[in-house]
Protein backbone atom coordinates (compact mmCIF):
# COMPACT_ATOMS: atom_id res chain seq x y z
CA MET A 1 0.00 0.00 0.00
CA LYS A 2 1.24 3.42 -0.95
CA CYS A 3 0.48 6.72 0.68
CA PRO A 4 -1.62 8.79 -1.78
CA ASN A 5 0.23 11.90 -0.63
CA CYS A 6 3.92 10.93 -0.85
CA SER A 7 3.78 7.40 -2.31
CA GLY A 8 5.53 6.15 0.80
CA THR A 9 5.01 2.50 1.76
CA ALA A 10 5.54 2.83 5.50
CA CYS A 11 1.93 3.00 6.68
CA ARG A 12 0.08 1.81 9.76
CA GLU A 13 -3.52 1.54 10.88
CA SER A 14 -5.07 4.60 12.49
CA LYS A 15 -8.08 4.96 14.75
CA TRP A 16 -11.42 6.10 13.42
CA ARG A 17 -12.16 9.69 14.33
CA SER A 18 -15.80 8.95 15.02
CA PRO A 19 -18.39 6.17 14.68
CA ARG A 20 -19.92 8.14 11.81
CA GLU A 21 -16.64 8.10 9.86
CA LYS A 22 -16.40 4.37 10.32
CA ALA A 23 -20.01 3.87 9.24
CA GLU A 24 -19.46 5.93 6.10
CA HIS A 25 -16.58 3.68 4.97
CA PRO A 26 -17.71 0.06 5.29
CA GLY A 27 -15.02 -2.50 4.43
CA SER A 28 -12.29 0.13 4.74
CA HIS A 29 -9.90 1.29 7.40
CA ALA A 30 -8.07 4.47 8.28
CA TYR A 31 -4.28 4.53 7.84
CA ARG A 32 -1.49 7.01 8.52
CA CYS A 33 1.71 7.38 6.55
CA LEU A 34 4.79 7.10 8.76
CA ASP A 35 6.84 9.19 6.34
CA CYS A 36 4.61 12.25 5.89
CA SER A 37 2.00 11.65 8.65
CA TYR A 38 -0.76 11.86 6.04
CA ARG A 39 -3.97 10.12 7.12
CA PHE A 40 -6.09 8.34 4.52
CA ILE A 41 -8.76 5.70 4.17
CA ALA A 42 -8.30 2.57 2.08
CA HIS A 43 -9.90 -0.83 1.67
CA SER A 44 -9.01 -3.03 4.64
CA THR A 45 -8.05 -6.01 2.49
CA HIS A 46 -4.85 -4.17 1.53
CA LEU A 47 -2.48 -4.52 4.45
CA PRO A 48 -0.20 -1.51 4.99
CA ALA A 49 3.48 -1.94 4.38
CA GLY A 50 4.31 -1.00 7.93
CA ASN A 51 2.14 -3.82 9.23
CA GLY A 52 3.74 -6.15 6.74
CA ARG A 53 7.18 -5.42 8.18
CA LEU A 54 5.89 -5.89 11.72
CA THR A 55 4.30 -9.17 10.79
CA GLY A 56 7.56 -10.33 9.28
CA ALA A 57 9.45 -9.46 12.47
CA ALA A 58 6.87 -11.21 14.58
CA ALA A 59 7.06 -14.23 12.32
CA GLY A 60 10.84 -14.29 12.69
CA LEU A 61 10.53 -14.09 16.47
CA LEU A 62 7.99 -16.89 16.43
CA VAL A 63 10.38 -19.06 14.45
CA LEU A 64 13.12 -18.45 16.99
CA VAL A 65 10.82 -19.21 19.92
CA LEU A 66 9.45 -22.36 18.37
CA GLY A 67 12.93 -23.42 17.42
CA GLY A 68 14.09 -22.99 21.00
CA VAL A 69 11.15 -24.96 22.30
CA ALA A 70 11.87 -27.72 19.82
CA LEU A 71 15.51 -27.85 20.87
CA GLY A 72 14.47 -27.97 24.54
CA VAL A 73 12.03 -30.78 23.93
CA SER A 74 14.64 -32.65 21.93
CA HIS A 75 17.14 -32.19 24.75
CA VAL A 76 14.68 -33.54 27.32
CA LEU A 77 13.76 -36.49 25.13
CA ASP A 78 17.41 -37.32 24.57
CA ARG A 79 18.16 -37.42 28.32
CA PRO A 80 17.83 -40.66 30.31
CA ASP A 81 14.83 -41.02 32.65
CA THR A 82 16.16 -39.05 35.60
CA GLY A 83 13.16 -39.93 37.81
CA ASP A 84 13.80 -43.67 37.64
CA GLN A 85 17.52 -43.15 38.08
CA ALA A 86 17.00 -41.01 41.17
CA GLN A 87 14.66 -43.60 42.65
CA LYS A 88 17.20 -46.36 42.03
CA THR A 89 19.95 -44.26 43.59
CA ALA A 90 17.84 -43.50 46.68
CA SER A 91 16.89 -47.15 47.04
CA ALA A 92 20.51 -48.25 46.79
CA ALA A 93 21.55 -45.65 49.37
CA ALA A 94 18.81 -46.77 51.79
CA SER A 95 19.83 -50.40 51.37
CA ALA A 96 23.46 -49.55 51.99
CA GLU A 97 22.55 -47.55 55.10
CA ALA A 98 20.39 -50.38 56.49
CA SER A 99 23.20 -52.86 55.90
CA ALA A 100 25.71 -50.57 57.63
CA THR A 101 23.34 -50.09 60.60
CA LEU A 102 22.89 -53.85 60.99
CA GLN A 103 26.63 -54.47 60.88
CA ALA A 104 27.26 -51.73 63.45
CA ALA A 105 24.51 -53.10 65.70
CA GLN A 106 25.94 -56.61 65.51
CA ALA A 107 29.34 -55.17 66.39
CA GLY A 108 27.89 -53.71 69.61
CA ASN A 109 27.25 -50.07 68.64
CA ALA A 110 24.51 -48.86 71.02
CA GLU A 111 23.19 -46.12 68.73
CA ALA A 112 22.91 -48.55 65.82
CA GLN A 113 21.17 -51.08 68.05
CA TYR A 114 18.69 -48.42 69.16
CA ARG A 115 17.98 -47.25 65.61
CA LEU A 116 17.57 -50.80 64.37
CA GLY A 117 15.25 -51.75 67.21
CA LYS A 118 13.10 -48.66 66.81
CA SER A 119 12.76 -49.10 63.05
CA MET A 120 11.77 -52.76 63.49
CA LEU A 121 9.28 -51.81 66.18
CA TYR A 122 7.23 -49.77 63.73
CA ASP A 123 7.51 -52.28 60.88
CA ASN A 124 4.13 -54.02 61.01
CA THR A 125 5.03 -56.38 58.17
CA GLN A 126 7.12 -58.61 60.48
CA GLY A 127 4.35 -59.36 62.99
CA LYS A 128 5.07 -60.65 66.50
CA GLN A 129 8.53 -61.90 65.63
CA GLY A 130 9.48 -58.48 64.37
CA ALA A 131 8.28 -56.91 67.62
CA ALA A 132 10.25 -59.44 69.66
CA ASP A 133 13.39 -58.73 67.63
CA ALA A 134 12.85 -55.00 68.06
CA VAL A 135 12.60 -55.32 71.86
CA SER A 136 15.70 -57.51 71.84
CA TRP A 137 17.75 -54.87 70.02
CA LEU A 138 16.40 -52.11 72.27
CA ARG A 139 17.35 -54.10 75.35
CA ARG A 140 20.85 -54.65 74.01
CA ALA A 141 21.19 -50.91 73.36
CA ALA A 142 19.88 -50.12 76.85
CA ASP A 143 22.30 -52.59 78.43
CA ASN A 144 25.04 -50.75 76.54
CA GLY A 145 24.00 -47.48 78.19
CA HIS A 146 21.74 -45.92 75.52
CA THR A 147 19.24 -43.84 77.51
CA GLY A 148 16.91 -43.43 74.52
CA ALA A 149 16.53 -47.21 74.39
CA MET A 150 15.85 -47.25 78.14
CA VAL A 151 13.03 -44.74 77.70
CA GLN A 152 11.61 -46.69 74.77
CA LEU A 153 11.58 -49.90 76.81
CA GLY A 154 9.96 -48.08 79.73
CA LYS A 155 7.16 -46.89 77.47
CA LEU A 156 6.69 -50.34 75.93
CA TYR A 157 6.37 -52.05 79.30
CA ARG A 158 3.94 -49.36 80.46
CA THR A 159 1.65 -49.72 77.43
CA GLY A 160 2.20 -53.44 76.85
CA LEU A 161 3.05 -52.91 73.17
CA GLY A 162 5.20 -55.75 71.86
CA VAL A 163 5.77 -57.00 75.41
CA LEU A 164 3.60 -58.05 78.33
CA GLN A 165 2.59 -55.00 80.35
CA ASN A 166 4.79 -54.71 83.42
CA PHE A 167 4.84 -51.50 85.46
CA GLU A 168 7.80 -52.63 87.57
CA ASN A 169 9.95 -53.03 84.45
CA SER A 170 8.63 -49.74 83.13
CA MET A 171 9.63 -47.88 86.29
CA SER A 172 13.01 -49.59 86.35
CA TRP A 173 13.98 -48.55 82.82
CA LEU A 174 12.57 -45.03 83.10
CA ARG A 175 14.31 -44.45 86.42
CA LYS A 176 17.61 -45.66 84.98
CA ALA A 177 17.26 -43.29 82.00
CA ALA A 178 16.27 -40.38 84.24
CA GLU A 179 19.14 -40.92 86.67
CA ASN A 180 21.51 -40.96 83.70
CA GLY A 181 20.37 -37.48 82.69
CA ASP A 182 17.86 -38.25 79.92
CA ALA A 183 15.28 -35.43 79.84
CA GLU A 184 12.53 -37.59 78.35
CA GLY A 185 13.23 -40.28 80.95
CA MET A 186 12.78 -37.63 83.67
CA LEU A 187 9.51 -36.52 82.11
CA GLU A 188 8.10 -40.04 81.86
CA LEU A 189 9.21 -40.94 85.37
CA GLY A 190 7.47 -37.82 86.67
CA ARG A 191 4.29 -38.90 84.90
CA MET A 192 4.44 -42.30 86.59
CA TYR A 193 4.62 -40.60 90.00
CA ARG A 194 1.90 -38.13 89.06
CA THR A 195 -0.61 -40.82 88.08
CA GLY A 196 0.56 -43.47 90.56
CA THR A 197 1.24 -46.00 87.81
CA GLY A 198 3.44 -48.81 89.13
CA VAL A 199 4.27 -46.79 92.21
CA LYS A 200 2.45 -44.92 94.95
CA GLN A 201 1.23 -41.57 93.72
CA ASP A 202 3.60 -38.86 94.90
CA LEU A 203 3.10 -35.36 93.52
CA VAL A 204 6.20 -34.03 95.25
CA GLU A 205 8.32 -36.64 93.51
CA ALA A 206 6.50 -35.94 90.25
CA TYR A 207 7.34 -32.24 90.62
CA VAL A 208 11.01 -33.06 91.25
CA TRP A 209 11.34 -35.00 88.00
CA PHE A 210 9.29 -32.55 85.97
CA ASN A 211 11.45 -29.73 87.32
CA ARG A 212 14.63 -31.54 86.34
CA ALA A 213 13.27 -32.37 82.89
CA ALA A 214 12.36 -28.71 82.34
CA ALA A 215 15.85 -27.66 83.42
CA ALA A 216 17.16 -30.15 80.84
CA LEU A 217 15.15 -28.20 78.20
CA HIS A 218 12.24 -30.61 77.73
CA SER A 219 9.44 -28.21 76.79
CA GLU A 220 6.57 -30.54 77.77
CA ALA A 221 7.88 -30.75 81.31
CA VAL A 222 7.18 -27.07 81.98
CA GLY A 223 3.43 -27.46 81.71
CA GLU A 224 3.47 -30.74 83.65
CA ARG A 225 5.46 -29.13 86.46
CA GLU A 226 3.13 -26.13 86.75
CA SER A 227 0.08 -28.39 86.76
CA VAL A 228 1.47 -30.41 89.66
CA ALA A 229 2.65 -27.30 91.53
CA LEU A 230 -0.95 -26.08 91.80
CA LYS A 231 -1.82 -29.19 93.81
CA LEU A 232 1.03 -28.89 96.30
CA LYS A 233 0.95 -27.13 99.64
CA PRO A 234 3.50 -24.33 100.07
CA GLU A 235 5.74 -26.47 102.29
CA GLU A 236 5.54 -29.39 99.81
CA LEU A 237 6.46 -27.14 96.92
CA GLN A 238 9.39 -25.73 98.86
CA ARG A 239 10.61 -29.23 99.70
CA ALA A 240 10.19 -30.37 96.08
CA GLN A 241 12.21 -27.46 94.75
CA ALA A 242 14.97 -28.07 97.29
CA ARG A 243 15.15 -31.76 96.41
CA SER A 244 15.20 -30.98 92.69
CA ALA A 245 18.69 -29.57 93.11
CA ALA A 246 20.01 -32.68 94.87
CA SER A 247 21.58 -35.53 92.93
CA PRO A 248 19.00 -38.05 91.68
CA SER A 249 20.35 -40.86 93.87
CA GLN A 250 20.34 -38.67 97.00
CA ALA A 251 16.84 -37.43 96.21
CA GLU A 252 15.61 -41.02 95.97
CA GLN A 253 17.19 -41.88 99.33
CA ASP A 254 15.55 -38.86 100.94
CA ALA A 255 12.19 -39.73 99.43
CA THR A 256 12.12 -43.45 100.26
CA PRO A 257 11.06 -43.28 103.94
CA ARG A 258 8.49 -40.61 103.24
CA GLN A 259 6.96 -42.43 100.27
CA GLU A 260 5.78 -45.26 102.46
CA ASN A 261 3.36 -42.87 104.14
CA VAL A 262 2.26 -40.89 101.13
CA ALA A 263 -1.54 -40.90 100.92
CA GLN A 264 -3.27 -41.47 97.62
CA ARG A 265 -4.27 -38.08 96.17
């Protein structure tokens, strides 16, 4: 399309000046010459040269974009299946780790024995035998001084999960863990004294162990301690706080005569 004023070919579409102008020129469109700024009306089937150049540039850009997409798709299709490979790698790593844990546990490593026992405990596919094996590994870890295994055994004997329920065994393992400085063992032992499970209920003793667990940064012990403190008389609370600072063994010796006369609360 040429401009009727200067014969220039650089033209673009222009807006209609009014609805009336548009209605008076059906099938046409207004254009403006980019060279001389002359505005004219021509049949809309004739695309302006300016638009033609723009269309060509857009078409070139589209070719580049589509070409890039095609190359990207080709690159992805040429690569091996990374999802399957990653899954195989993860599976191999897990298998290697399990094998290493078993070997370490068999060699007497307490942490490995604890991890192995705990993982077997929650593996329902092995049934009763799996539970028995789990308890066996936990007991071996506990005998080797692993306080986490002691706590786990204490909980199992209290609930009767995987073993016959036995409060005496539960207290024994939890007390051993607590006296060895395990914060969770202190918390669980305090709960046994608070509820009177396997031992005479003793809120002073419960406070002592909750207080120690809180000092060892066990967050749950704070609420447990405050709950028990509300039920203690001022002199009982004072005695409990004083005994909290004593060594666990000394505190037990001080508490033993008094516990025989502790009334059920």
